[in-house]
């Protein structure tokens, strides 16, 4: 089995990862919404649109 983050062989202690670093990177993706599944529910879309309209514009 290989690590889903870097592809190296896994270590039993961190399975399915190869190290604490890769496990932490995976956790960070979860916490930051990197693994979020987009919703096609109309109510969710309307709430997201309302939230986006409430936020002030950002400068780039």
PDB file of N, CA and C in Angstrom:
ATOM      1  N   UNK A   1       0.847  -1.167   0.000  1.00  0.00           N
ATOM      2  CA  UNK A   1       0.000   0.000   0.000  1.00  0.00           C
ATOM      3  C   UNK A   1       0.901   1.240   0.000  1.00  0.00           C
ATOM      4  N   UNK A   2       0.517   2.246  -0.781  1.00  0.00           N
ATOM      5  CA  UNK A   2       1.316   3.461  -0.828  1.00  0.00           C
ATOM      6  C   UNK A   2       0.548   4.628  -0.222  1.00  0.00           C
ATOM      7  N   UNK A   3       1.274   5.594   0.269  1.00  0.00           N
ATOM      8  CA  UNK A   3       0.724   6.789   0.913  1.00  0.00           C
ATOM      9  C   UNK A   3      -0.097   7.582  -0.112  1.00  0.00           C
ATOM     10  N   UNK A   4      -1.329   7.959   0.233  1.00  0.00           N
ATOM     11  CA  UNK A   4      -2.145   8.719  -0.715  1.00  0.00           C
ATOM     12  C   UNK A   4      -1.659  10.150  -0.941  1.00  0.00           C
ATOM     13  N   UNK A   5      -0.776  10.638  -0.079  1.00  0.00           N
ATOM     14  CA  UNK A   5      -0.263  12.005  -0.223  1.00  0.00           C
ATOM     15  C   UNK A   5       0.983  12.044  -1.109  1.00  0.00           C
ATOM     16  N   UNK A   6       1.973  11.188  -0.798  1.00  0.00           N
ATOM     17  CA  UNK A   6       3.243  11.278  -1.532  1.00  0.00           C
ATOM     18  C   UNK A   6       3.593  10.027  -2.339  1.00  0.00           C
ATOM     19  N   UNK A   7       2.891   8.916  -2.111  1.00  0.00           N
ATOM     20  CA  UNK A   7       3.150   7.701  -2.881  1.00  0.00           C
ATOM     21  C   UNK A   7       4.194   6.777  -2.295  1.00  0.00           C
ATOM     22  N   UNK A   8       4.833   7.167  -1.183  1.00  0.00           N
ATOM     23  CA  UNK A   8       5.833   6.309  -0.535  1.00  0.00           C
ATOM     24  C   UNK A   8       5.138   5.127   0.146  1.00  0.00           C
ATOM     25  N   UNK A   9       5.889   4.056   0.442  1.00  0.00           N
ATOM     26  CA  UNK A   9       5.294   2.929   1.176  1.00  0.00           C
ATOM     27  C   UNK A   9       4.801   3.378   2.553  1.00  0.00           C
ATOM     28  N   UNK A  10       3.705   2.785   3.018  1.00  0.00           N
ATOM     29  CA  UNK A  10       3.138   3.186   4.301  1.00  0.00           C
ATOM     30  C   UNK A  10       3.890   2.561   5.466  1.00  0.00           C
ATOM     31  N   UNK A  11       3.708   3.178   6.628  1.00  0.00           N
ATOM     32  CA  UNK A  11       4.268   2.681   7.881  1.00  0.00           C
ATOM     33  C   UNK A  11       3.086   2.348   8.780  1.00  0.00           C
ATOM     34  N   UNK A  12       3.141   1.191   9.429  1.00  0.00           N
ATOM     35  CA  UNK A  12       2.017   0.705  10.238  1.00  0.00           C
ATOM     36  C   UNK A  12       1.501   1.779  11.199  1.00  0.00           C
ATOM     37  N   UNK A  13       2.388   2.492  11.861  1.00  0.00           N
ATOM     38  CA  UNK A  13       2.012   3.506  12.853  1.00  0.00           C
ATOM     39  C   UNK A  13       1.153   4.623  12.261  1.00  0.00           C
ATOM     40  N   UNK A  14       1.352   4.962  10.990  1.00  0.00           N
ATOM     41  CA  UNK A  14       0.641   6.079  10.363  1.00  0.00           C
ATOM     42  C   UNK A  14      -0.289   5.643   9.236  1.00  0.00           C
ATOM     43  N   UNK A  15      -0.486   4.343   9.063  1.00  0.00           N
ATOM     44  CA  UNK A  15      -1.291   3.824   7.972  1.00  0.00           C
ATOM     45  C   UNK A  15      -2.610   4.557   7.873  1.00  0.00           C
ATOM     46  N   UNK A  16      -3.036   5.017   6.736  1.00  0.00           N
ATOM     47  CA  UNK A  16      -2.549   4.688   5.402  1.00  0.00           C
ATOM     48  C   UNK A  16      -1.449   5.618   4.897  1.00  0.00           C
ATOM     49  N   UNK A  17      -0.834   6.373   5.800  1.00  0.00           N
ATOM     50  CA  UNK A  17       0.204   7.323   5.399  1.00  0.00           C
ATOM     51  C   UNK A  17       1.592   6.768   5.696  1.00  0.00           C
ATOM     52  N   UNK A  18       2.608   7.467   5.202  1.00  0.00           N
ATOM     53  CA  UNK A  18       3.974   7.014   5.408  1.00  0.00           C
ATOM     54  C   UNK A  18       4.644   7.723   6.580  1.00  0.00           C
ATOM     55  N   UNK A  19       4.046   8.822   7.035  1.00  0.00           N
ATOM     56  CA  UNK A  19       4.674   9.597   8.103  1.00  0.00           C
ATOM     57  C   UNK A  19       3.637  10.502   8.767  1.00  0.00           C
ATOM     58  N   UNK A  20       4.031  11.066   9.898  1.00  0.00           N
ATOM     59  CA  UNK A  20       3.168  12.030  10.586  1.00  0.00           C
ATOM     60  C   UNK A  20       2.954  13.255   9.704  1.00  0.00           C
ATOM     61  N   UNK A  21       3.973  13.650   8.966  1.00  0.00           N
ATOM     62  CA  UNK A  21       3.859  14.812   8.084  1.00  0.00           C
ATOM     63  C   UNK A  21       2.732  14.625   7.070  1.00  0.00           C
ATOM     64  N   UNK A  22       2.709  13.477   6.396  1.00  0.00           N
ATOM     65  CA  UNK A  22       1.656  13.235   5.399  1.00  0.00           C
ATOM     66  C   UNK A  22       0.287  13.115   6.069  1.00  0.00           C
ATOM     67  N   UNK A  23       0.232  12.508   7.258  1.00  0.00           N
ATOM     68  CA  UNK A  23      -1.030  12.430   7.989  1.00  0.00           C
ATOM     69  C   UNK A  23      -1.519  13.833   8.337  1.00  0.00           C
ATOM     70  N   UNK A  24      -0.609  14.710   8.758  1.00  0.00           N
ATOM     71  CA  UNK A  24      -0.978  16.087   9.093  1.00  0.00           C
ATOM     72  C   UNK A  24      -1.409  16.873   7.857  1.00  0.00           C
ATOM     73  N   UNK A  25      -0.757  16.636   6.731  1.00  0.00           N
ATOM     74  CA  UNK A  25      -1.161  17.306   5.494  1.00  0.00           C
ATOM     75  C   UNK A  25      -2.573  16.902   5.099  1.00  0.00           C
ATOM     76  N   UNK A  26      -2.893  15.623   5.255  1.00  0.00           N
ATOM     77  CA  UNK A  26      -4.233  15.139   4.950  1.00  0.00           C
ATOM     78  C   UNK A  26      -5.261  15.772   5.888  1.00  0.00           C
ATOM     79  N   UNK A  27      -4.941  15.829   7.177  1.00  0.00           N
ATOM     80  CA  UNK A  27      -5.845  16.453   8.148  1.00  0.00           C
ATOM     81  C   UNK A  27      -6.078  17.918   7.796  1.00  0.00           C
ATOM     82  N   UNK A  28      -5.032  18.617   7.402  1.00  0.00           N
ATOM     83  CA  UNK A  28      -5.173  20.029   7.023  1.00  0.00           C
ATOM     84  C   UNK A  28      -6.112  20.189   5.826  1.00  0.00           C
ATOM     85  N   UNK A  29      -6.040  19.271   4.874  1.00  0.00           N
ATOM     86  CA  UNK A  29      -6.961  19.338   3.728  1.00  0.00           C
ATOM     87  C   UNK A  29      -8.403  19.186   4.185  1.00  0.00           C
ATOM     88  N   UNK A  30      -8.655  18.260   5.129  1.00  0.00           N
ATOM     89  CA  UNK A  30     -10.006  18.079   5.660  1.00  0.00           C
ATOM     90  C   UNK A  30     -10.464  19.341   6.372  1.00  0.00           C
ATOM     91  N   UNK A  31      -9.608  19.889   7.230  1.00  0.00           N
ATOM     92  CA  UNK A  31      -9.994  21.053   8.028  1.00  0.00           C
ATOM     93  C   UNK A  31     -10.198  22.307   7.188  1.00  0.00           C
ATOM     94  N   UNK A  32      -9.492  22.419   6.073  1.00  0.00           N
ATOM     95  CA  UNK A  32      -9.616  23.585   5.197  1.00  0.00           C
ATOM     96  C   UNK A  32     -10.671  23.410   4.111  1.00  0.00           C
ATOM     97  N   UNK A  33     -11.368  22.277   4.127  1.00  0.00           N
ATOM     98  CA  UNK A  33     -12.419  22.039   3.145  1.00  0.00           C
ATOM     99  C   UNK A  33     -11.924  21.544   1.808  1.00  0.00           C
ATOM    100  N   UNK A  34     -10.688  21.083   1.750  1.00  0.00           N
ATOM    101  CA  UNK A  34     -10.126  20.591   0.497  1.00  0.00           C
ATOM    102  C   UNK A  34     -10.783  19.329  -0.025  1.00  0.00           C
ATOM    103  N   UNK A  35     -11.441  18.587   0.862  1.00  0.00           N
ATOM    104  CA  UNK A  35     -12.099  17.355   0.459  1.00  0.00           C
ATOM    105  C   UNK A  35     -13.618  17.509   0.427  1.00  0.00           C
ATOM    106  N   UNK A  36     -14.100  18.728   0.430  1.00  0.00           N
ATOM    107  CA  UNK A  36     -15.545  18.962   0.449  1.00  0.00           C
ATOM    108  C   UNK A  36     -16.189  18.458  -0.840  1.00  0.00           C
ATOM    109  N   UNK A  37     -17.355  17.888  -0.697  1.00  0.00           N
ATOM    110  CA  UNK A  37     -18.122  17.410  -1.842  1.00  0.00           C
ATOM    111  C   UNK A  37     -19.143  18.489  -2.179  1.00  0.00           C
ATOM    112  N   UNK A  38     -19.106  19.034  -3.380  1.00  0.00           N
ATOM    113  CA  UNK A  38     -20.047  20.087  -3.739  1.00  0.00           C
ATOM    114  C   UNK A  38     -21.488  19.583  -3.696  1.00  0.00           C
ATOM    115  N   UNK A  39     -22.351  20.429  -3.208  1.00  0.00           N
ATOM    116  CA  UNK A  39     -23.765  20.067  -3.121  1.00  0.00           C
ATOM    117  C   UNK A  39     -24.508  20.621  -4.328  1.00  0.00           C
ATOM    118  N   UNK A  40     -25.480  19.862  -4.793  1.00  0.00           N
ATOM    119  CA  UNK A  40     -26.337  20.338  -5.873  1.00  0.00           C
ATOM    120  C   UNK A  40     -27.739  20.626  -5.350  1.00  0.00           C
ATOM    121  N   UNK A  41     -27.894  20.582  -4.022  1.00  0.00           N
ATOM    122  CA  UNK A  41     -29.166  20.885  -3.386  1.00  0.00           C
ATOM    123  C   UNK A  41     -29.460  22.378  -3.568  1.00  0.00           C
ATOM    124  N   UNK A  42     -30.615  22.720  -4.085  1.00  0.00           N
ATOM    125  CA  UNK A  42     -30.966  24.107  -4.386  1.00  0.00           C
ATOM    126  C   UNK A  42     -30.876  24.984  -3.142  1.00  0.00           C
ATOM    127  N   UNK A  43     -31.305  24.481  -1.993  1.00  0.00           N
ATOM    128  CA  UNK A  43     -31.260  25.277  -0.760  1.00  0.00           C
ATOM    129  C   UNK A  43     -29.821  25.596  -0.370  1.00  0.00           C
ATOM    130  N   UNK A  44     -28.913  24.623  -0.502  1.00  0.00           N
ATOM    131  CA  UNK A  44     -27.503  24.867  -0.202  1.00  0.00           C
ATOM    132  C   UNK A  44     -26.919  25.917  -1.139  1.00  0.00           C
ATOM    133  N   UNK A  45     -27.287  25.859  -2.406  1.00  0.00           N
ATOM    134  CA  UNK A  45     -26.791  26.845  -3.365  1.00  0.00           C
ATOM    135  C   UNK A  45     -27.277  28.247  -3.025  1.00  0.00           C
ATOM    136  N   UNK A  46     -28.530  28.371  -2.627  1.00  0.00           N
ATOM    137  CA  UNK A  46     -29.078  29.677  -2.272  1.00  0.00           C
ATOM    138  C   UNK A  46     -28.401  30.243  -1.026  1.00  0.00           C
ATOM    139  N   UNK A  47     -28.152  29.396  -0.038  1.00  0.00           N
ATOM    140  CA  UNK A  47     -27.469  29.850   1.178  1.00  0.00           C
ATOM    141  C   UNK A  47     -26.046  30.296   0.861  1.00  0.00           C
ATOM    142  N   UNK A  48     -25.344  29.549   0.026  1.00  0.00           N
ATOM    143  CA  UNK A  48     -23.978  29.913  -0.355  1.00  0.00           C
ATOM    144  C   UNK A  48     -23.962  31.239  -1.106  1.00  0.00           C
ATOM    145  N   UNK A  49     -24.929  31.459  -1.980  1.00  0.00           N
ATOM    146  CA  UNK A  49     -25.017  32.712  -2.726  1.00  0.00           C
ATOM    147  C   UNK A  49     -25.291  33.879  -1.786  1.00  0.00           C
ATOM    148  N   UNK A  50     -26.210  33.700  -0.840  1.00  0.00           N
ATOM    149  CA  UNK A  50     -26.503  34.754   0.131  1.00  0.00           C
ATOM    150  C   UNK A  50     -25.277  35.084   0.971  1.00  0.00           C
ATOM    151  N   UNK A  51     -24.537  34.063   1.401  1.00  0.00           N
ATOM    152  CA  UNK A  51     -23.322  34.285   2.183  1.00  0.00           C
ATOM    153  C   UNK A  51     -22.276  35.038   1.375  1.00  0.00           C
ATOM    154  N   UNK A  52     -22.133  34.694   0.104  1.00  0.00           N
ATOM    155  CA  UNK A  52     -21.155  35.357  -0.755  1.00  0.00           C
ATOM    156  C   UNK A  52     -21.526  36.824  -0.974  1.00  0.00           C
ATOM    157  N   UNK A  53     -22.801  37.109  -1.082  1.00  0.00           N
ATOM    158  CA  UNK A  53     -23.247  38.491  -1.295  1.00  0.00           C
ATOM    159  C   UNK A  53     -23.041  39.344  -0.044  1.00  0.00           C
ATOM    160  N   UNK A  54     -23.047  38.740   1.135  1.00  0.00           N
ATOM    161  CA  UNK A  54     -22.864  39.473   2.393  1.00  0.00           C
ATOM    162  C   UNK A  54     -21.413  39.850   2.630  1.00  0.00           C
ATOM    163  N   UNK A  55     -20.485  39.077   2.054  1.00  0.00           N
ATOM    164  CA  UNK A  55     -19.058  39.335   2.268  1.00  0.00           C
ATOM    165  C   UNK A  55     -18.633  40.585   1.489  1.00  0.00           C
ATOM    166  N   UNK A  56     -17.799  41.420   2.123  1.00  0.00           N
ATOM    167  CA  UNK A  56     -17.293  42.584   1.374  1.00  0.00           C
ATOM    168  C   UNK A  56     -16.340  42.136   0.272  1.00  0.00           C
ATOM    169  N   UNK A  57     -16.267  42.883  -0.814  1.00  0.00           N
ATOM    170  CA  UNK A  57     -15.358  42.498  -1.909  1.00  0.00           C
ATOM    171  C   UNK A  57     -13.901  42.521  -1.445  1.00  0.00           C
ATOM    172  N   UNK A  58     -13.120  41.612  -1.978  1.00  0.00           N
ATOM    173  CA  UNK A  58     -11.697  41.553  -1.629  1.00  0.00           C
ATOM    174  C   UNK A  58     -10.879  42.232  -2.710  1.00  0.00           C
ATOM    175  N   UNK A  59      -9.776  42.819  -2.283  1.00  0.00           N
ATOM    176  CA  UNK A  59      -8.867  43.465  -3.236  1.00  0.00           C
ATOM    177  C   UNK A  59      -7.827  42.450  -3.691  1.00  0.00           C
ATOM    178  N   UNK A  60      -7.512  42.475  -4.965  1.00  0.00           N
ATOM    179  CA  UNK A  60      -6.508  41.540  -5.506  1.00  0.00           C
ATOM    180  C   UNK A  60      -5.311  42.298  -5.959  1.00  0.00           C
TER     181      UNK A  60
END
